[in-house]
Amino acid sequence: MKKYAVAVDVSPSEQLSDDDNEIKVMALVFGLKSPKSFEEVGSKFPDPAHRLSLRKWAPSGNKYKRKFVEHARFLASTNNIIFGSNVASNRRIRNIGKKYWEMVVGKIPPAASRSSKGRPMVAMGGYKVDGKEVPKYEVLVDDLYLLGWYAESLVECLKGLIKVNGEKVKLDALIDRLPNEQGGKDFYKATLLRWVCKKGSRGLLNIAGVPEKPDSMQRELLVDNLSGMLRHIVEHKDSPFKDALKFFKFNRKTL
């Protein structure tokens, strides 16, 4: 069975806020010729003439950002990778995430407690990932909505790839660290997302990894830059980067 890979980053990466109109942007980079096509980006591109040492988008100046846009435009022209975006408001993320979660997993249980900010939390755990039972822990209801949105978005990508190929394919997803995730052995939300994705895709979609040290590799910085750039385009009507949307193969917007 043919296998694809996608690297994903969301901006802003924080948990859902109380502002229903706040926008989150998901950037996606698909490896086409091989699952590791997106490894050869930035300073890792084989041809030195087309290399760019990638760094974080947010603190960088406009000179670097213009160079990044040209680098991304070139990468898109190679057909080794393709770019995608998913733009949604917090209101739609909660709506989509809740519906998808309840369709795949079932009704969200009553709140077991509340966070320090008074937000409802539910008890999770007891399910198995790779044959190992995940211990009990608590998670914000809003985080379940966010995970449902992640899973629904990735499953839609998988469906698109299946439609293009005319047969079933597999998709490995490399995601950035999720909001409030502790890291190390406590990647509970990442394992929860992995469980939901497998369940919703009948095993065709897999969360293949989460970086222990975020944004330390060129592929991770590539999607960080793309999500930062997309967020700037969404938030600024006169963004100098808006022409970059032309080399995104697909764009989804649910506001």
Protein backbone atom coordinates (compact mmCIF):
# COMPACT_ATOMS: atom_id res chain seq x y z
CA MET A 1 0.00 0.00 0.00
CA LYS A 2 1.32 3.44 -0.95
CA LYS A 3 2.36 5.64 1.98
CA TYR A 4 2.55 9.42 2.28
CA ALA A 5 3.82 11.67 5.05
CA VAL A 6 2.72 15.11 6.21
CA ALA A 7 4.29 17.57 8.64
CA VAL A 8 1.84 19.83 10.50
CA ASP A 9 2.08 23.06 12.49
CA VAL A 10 -0.65 25.29 13.96
CA SER A 11 -0.40 29.00 14.74
CA PRO A 12 -1.06 30.21 17.35
CA SER A 13 -0.12 26.97 19.08
CA GLU A 14 -1.73 27.84 22.42
CA GLN A 15 -4.95 26.28 23.68
CA LEU A 16 -8.33 27.62 22.53
CA SER A 17 -9.10 31.04 23.99
CA ASP A 18 -12.49 32.49 24.99
CA ASP A 19 -12.49 34.63 21.84
CA ASP A 20 -14.67 32.66 19.42
CA ASN A 21 -13.48 34.78 16.50
CA GLU A 22 -9.77 34.18 17.05
CA ILE A 23 -8.21 32.41 14.07
CA LYS A 24 -5.95 29.37 14.05
CA VAL A 25 -3.98 28.41 10.96
CA MET A 26 -2.83 24.88 10.21
CA ALA A 27 0.04 24.54 7.73
CA LEU A 28 0.65 21.17 6.08
CA VAL A 29 3.64 19.94 4.07
CA PHE A 30 3.22 16.65 2.20
CA GLY A 31 6.14 14.51 1.07
CA LEU A 32 5.31 13.21 -2.39
CA LYS A 33 8.20 11.30 -3.97
CA SER A 34 9.03 9.57 -0.70
CA PRO A 35 7.83 9.87 2.91
CA LYS A 36 11.02 11.83 3.65
CA SER A 37 10.78 14.31 0.77
CA PHE A 38 10.26 17.16 3.21
CA GLU A 39 13.53 16.38 4.99
CA GLU A 40 15.43 17.94 2.06
CA VAL A 41 14.36 21.54 2.71
CA GLY A 42 16.04 24.67 4.03
CA SER A 43 19.74 24.10 4.66
CA LYS A 44 19.26 20.38 3.84
CA PHE A 45 18.30 20.92 0.20
CA PRO A 46 20.71 18.94 -2.02
CA ASP A 47 21.63 21.86 -4.32
CA PRO A 48 23.62 24.50 -2.35
CA ALA A 49 22.33 27.22 -4.69
CA HIS A 50 18.80 26.73 -3.36
CA ARG A 51 19.52 26.31 0.35
CA LEU A 52 18.23 28.61 3.08
CA SER A 53 19.03 28.14 6.75
CA LEU A 54 15.55 28.20 8.24
CA ARG A 55 14.79 29.77 11.60
CA LYS A 56 11.65 30.67 13.56
CA TRP A 57 9.24 32.93 11.69
CA ALA A 58 7.94 35.12 14.53
CA PRO A 59 11.16 36.87 15.66
CA SER A 60 12.66 37.12 12.17
CA GLY A 61 12.84 40.32 10.15
CA ASN A 62 11.21 41.06 6.80
CA LYS A 63 14.44 40.42 4.87
CA TYR A 64 14.52 36.81 6.08
CA LYS A 65 10.77 36.41 5.56
CA ARG A 66 11.02 37.51 1.92
CA LYS A 67 13.84 34.99 1.41
CA PHE A 68 11.69 32.29 2.98
CA VAL A 69 8.77 33.02 0.64
CA GLU A 70 11.07 32.60 -2.36
CA HIS A 71 12.53 29.39 -0.89
CA ALA A 72 9.02 28.01 -0.32
CA ARG A 73 8.03 29.00 -3.86
CA PHE A 74 11.03 27.09 -5.21
CA LEU A 75 10.30 24.02 -3.06
CA ALA A 76 6.73 23.96 -4.34
CA SER A 77 8.03 24.05 -7.94
CA THR A 78 10.09 20.87 -7.43
CA ASN A 79 6.95 18.74 -6.93
CA ASN A 80 8.77 16.85 -4.19
CA ILE A 81 6.40 18.40 -1.66
CA ILE A 82 3.09 20.23 -1.71
CA PHE A 83 1.70 22.80 0.72
CA GLY A 84 -1.77 23.02 2.22
CA SER A 85 -3.56 25.22 4.73
CA ASN A 86 -6.57 24.98 7.02
CA VAL A 87 -7.89 28.21 8.52
CA ALA A 88 -10.58 28.12 11.20
CA SER A 89 -12.00 30.28 13.97
CA ASN A 90 -12.16 29.02 17.55
CA ARG A 91 -15.94 28.80 17.14
CA ARG A 92 -15.64 26.46 14.16
CA ILE A 93 -12.83 24.45 15.76
CA ARG A 94 -15.06 23.76 18.77
CA ASN A 95 -17.97 22.87 16.50
CA ILE A 96 -16.02 20.65 14.09
CA GLY A 97 -13.90 19.10 16.86
CA LYS A 98 -16.89 18.20 19.03
CA LYS A 99 -18.83 16.65 16.15
CA TYR A 100 -15.87 14.61 14.94
CA TRP A 101 -14.92 13.47 18.45
CA GLU A 102 -18.44 12.29 19.23
CA MET A 103 -18.76 10.58 15.83
CA VAL A 104 -15.54 8.60 16.31
CA VAL A 105 -15.18 8.20 20.08
CA GLY A 106 -18.63 8.86 21.55
CA LYS A 107 -20.19 11.48 23.77
CA ILE A 108 -17.74 13.56 25.80
CA PRO A 109 -18.12 12.58 29.48
CA PRO A 110 -19.26 15.04 32.17
CA ALA A 111 -16.60 17.31 33.67
CA ALA A 112 -14.58 15.59 36.41
CA SER A 113 -13.01 18.82 37.64
CA ARG A 114 -12.11 22.36 36.60
CA SER A 115 -8.79 23.96 35.76
CA SER A 116 -7.29 26.84 37.72
CA LYS A 117 -9.08 29.15 35.27
CA GLY A 118 -12.41 27.40 35.82
CA ARG A 119 -12.46 25.49 32.54
CA PRO A 120 -14.10 22.02 32.52
CA MET A 121 -11.80 19.01 32.48
CA VAL A 122 -12.62 15.35 31.85
CA ALA A 123 -10.91 12.15 32.94
CA MET A 124 -9.22 10.18 30.17
CA GLY A 125 -6.93 7.16 29.95
CA GLY A 126 -7.49 3.45 30.04
CA TYR A 127 -7.28 3.09 26.25
CA LYS A 128 -4.40 1.32 24.53
CA VAL A 129 -1.84 2.77 22.12
CA ASP A 130 0.56 0.29 20.50
CA GLY A 131 -0.58 -2.34 22.96
CA LYS A 132 0.20 -0.22 26.02
CA GLU A 133 -2.54 1.09 28.29
CA VAL A 134 -2.39 4.84 28.87
CA PRO A 135 -2.76 5.73 32.59
CA LYS A 136 -5.56 7.95 33.88
CA TYR A 137 -5.15 11.69 33.43
CA GLU A 138 -7.32 14.79 33.03
CA VAL A 139 -7.62 16.99 29.96
CA LEU A 140 -9.50 20.19 29.13
CA VAL A 141 -12.73 19.70 27.18
CA ASP A 142 -11.45 22.44 24.86
CA ASP A 143 -8.37 20.31 24.19
CA LEU A 144 -10.61 17.43 23.10
CA TYR A 145 -12.30 19.81 20.65
CA LEU A 146 -8.89 20.87 19.35
CA LEU A 147 -7.80 17.24 18.95
CA GLY A 148 -11.06 16.48 17.15
CA TRP A 149 -10.33 19.34 14.74
CA TYR A 150 -6.77 18.05 14.17
CA ALA A 151 -8.05 14.53 13.51
CA GLU A 152 -10.87 15.66 11.19
CA SER A 153 -8.44 17.83 9.21
CA LEU A 154 -5.94 15.01 8.78
CA VAL A 155 -8.60 12.47 7.86
CA GLU A 156 -9.87 14.87 5.17
CA CYS A 157 -6.30 15.03 3.82
CA LEU A 158 -6.20 11.23 3.78
CA LYS A 159 -9.51 11.09 1.90
CA GLY A 160 -8.11 13.50 -0.69
CA LEU A 161 -5.04 11.31 -1.23
CA ILE A 162 -7.22 8.21 -1.55
CA LYS A 163 -9.38 9.99 -4.14
CA VAL A 164 -6.32 11.07 -6.17
CA ASN A 165 -4.81 7.57 -6.09
CA GLY A 166 -8.05 5.73 -6.68
CA GLU A 167 -7.20 3.29 -3.89
CA LYS A 168 -6.45 3.16 -0.19
CA VAL A 169 -3.19 4.78 0.97
CA LYS A 170 -1.57 5.34 4.35
CA LEU A 171 -0.64 8.70 5.82
CA ASP A 172 1.95 9.33 8.55
CA ALA A 173 1.61 12.69 10.30
CA LEU A 174 4.40 14.47 12.15
CA ILE A 175 2.89 17.10 14.44
CA ASP A 176 4.25 19.90 16.58
CA ARG A 177 3.87 19.72 20.35
CA LEU A 178 0.21 20.14 21.35
CA PRO A 179 -0.97 22.86 23.79
CA ASN A 180 -0.10 22.15 27.45
CA GLU A 181 1.77 18.98 26.48
CA GLN A 182 4.50 18.15 28.98
CA GLY A 183 6.78 16.08 26.76
CA GLY A 184 8.81 12.99 27.58
CA LYS A 185 6.64 10.16 28.85
CA ASP A 186 3.69 12.52 29.28
CA PHE A 187 2.71 12.99 25.64
CA TYR A 188 -0.80 11.97 26.62
CA LYS A 189 -2.61 14.29 24.24
CA ALA A 190 -0.42 13.13 21.35
CA THR A 191 -1.18 9.50 22.13
CA LEU A 192 -4.86 10.41 22.44
CA LEU A 193 -4.78 12.07 19.02
CA ARG A 194 -3.00 9.04 17.61
CA TRP A 195 -5.69 6.76 19.02
CA VAL A 196 -8.51 8.91 17.59
CA CYS A 197 -6.84 9.18 14.17
CA LYS A 198 -6.36 5.42 13.90
CA LYS A 199 -9.92 4.80 15.05
CA GLY A 200 -11.40 7.34 12.62
CA SER A 201 -9.35 6.16 9.63
CA ARG A 202 -9.47 2.40 10.26
CA GLY A 203 -5.73 2.35 10.76
CA LEU A 204 -4.76 4.31 7.63
CA LEU A 205 -3.77 7.51 9.46
CA ASN A 206 -0.98 7.44 12.01
CA ILE A 207 0.56 10.12 14.21
CA ALA A 208 4.13 9.07 13.53
CA GLY A 209 5.93 11.40 15.88
CA VAL A 210 6.11 14.51 18.06
CA PRO A 211 9.42 16.36 18.47
CA GLU A 212 10.93 16.19 21.95
CA LYS A 213 12.60 19.52 21.18
CA PRO A 214 10.22 21.55 18.98
CA ASP A 215 11.47 23.38 15.88
CA SER A 216 14.95 21.87 16.00
CA MET A 217 14.87 20.41 12.47
CA GLN A 218 14.58 22.12 9.10
CA ARG A 219 11.30 20.36 8.22
CA GLU A 220 9.77 21.56 11.52
CA LEU A 221 10.97 25.10 10.85
CA LEU A 222 9.49 24.89 7.35
CA VAL A 223 5.98 24.27 8.66
CA ASP A 224 6.53 26.81 11.48
CA ASN A 225 7.37 29.43 8.83
CA LEU A 226 4.40 28.43 6.67
CA SER A 227 1.92 28.66 9.54
CA GLY A 228 3.39 31.99 10.66
CA MET A 229 3.21 33.34 7.12
CA LEU A 230 -0.37 32.13 6.65
CA ARG A 231 -1.42 33.72 9.93
CA HIS A 232 0.10 37.04 8.80
CA ILE A 233 -1.84 36.80 5.52
CA VAL A 234 -5.11 36.09 7.36
CA GLU A 235 -4.64 38.89 9.89
CA HIS A 236 -3.37 41.57 7.47
CA LYS A 237 -5.34 42.38 4.32
CA ASP A 238 -2.30 44.18 2.90
CA SER A 239 0.17 41.43 3.82
CA PRO A 240 3.18 41.52 1.48
CA PHE A 241 3.18 37.72 1.55
CA LYS A 242 -0.37 37.12 0.25
CA ASP A 243 0.84 36.09 -3.23
CA ALA A 244 2.40 33.04 -1.54
CA LEU A 245 -1.06 31.45 -1.45
CA LYS A 246 -0.65 30.78 -5.16
CA PHE A 247 1.77 27.93 -4.51
CA PHE A 248 -0.46 26.24 -1.94
CA LYS A 249 -2.19 23.33 -3.66
CA PHE A 250 -5.23 23.35 -1.42
CA ASN A 251 -6.72 25.78 1.08
CA ARG A 252 -9.57 25.14 3.46
CA LYS A 253 -11.31 27.91 5.39
CA THR A 254 -14.04 27.46 8.03
CA LEU A 255 -14.69 30.73 9.88
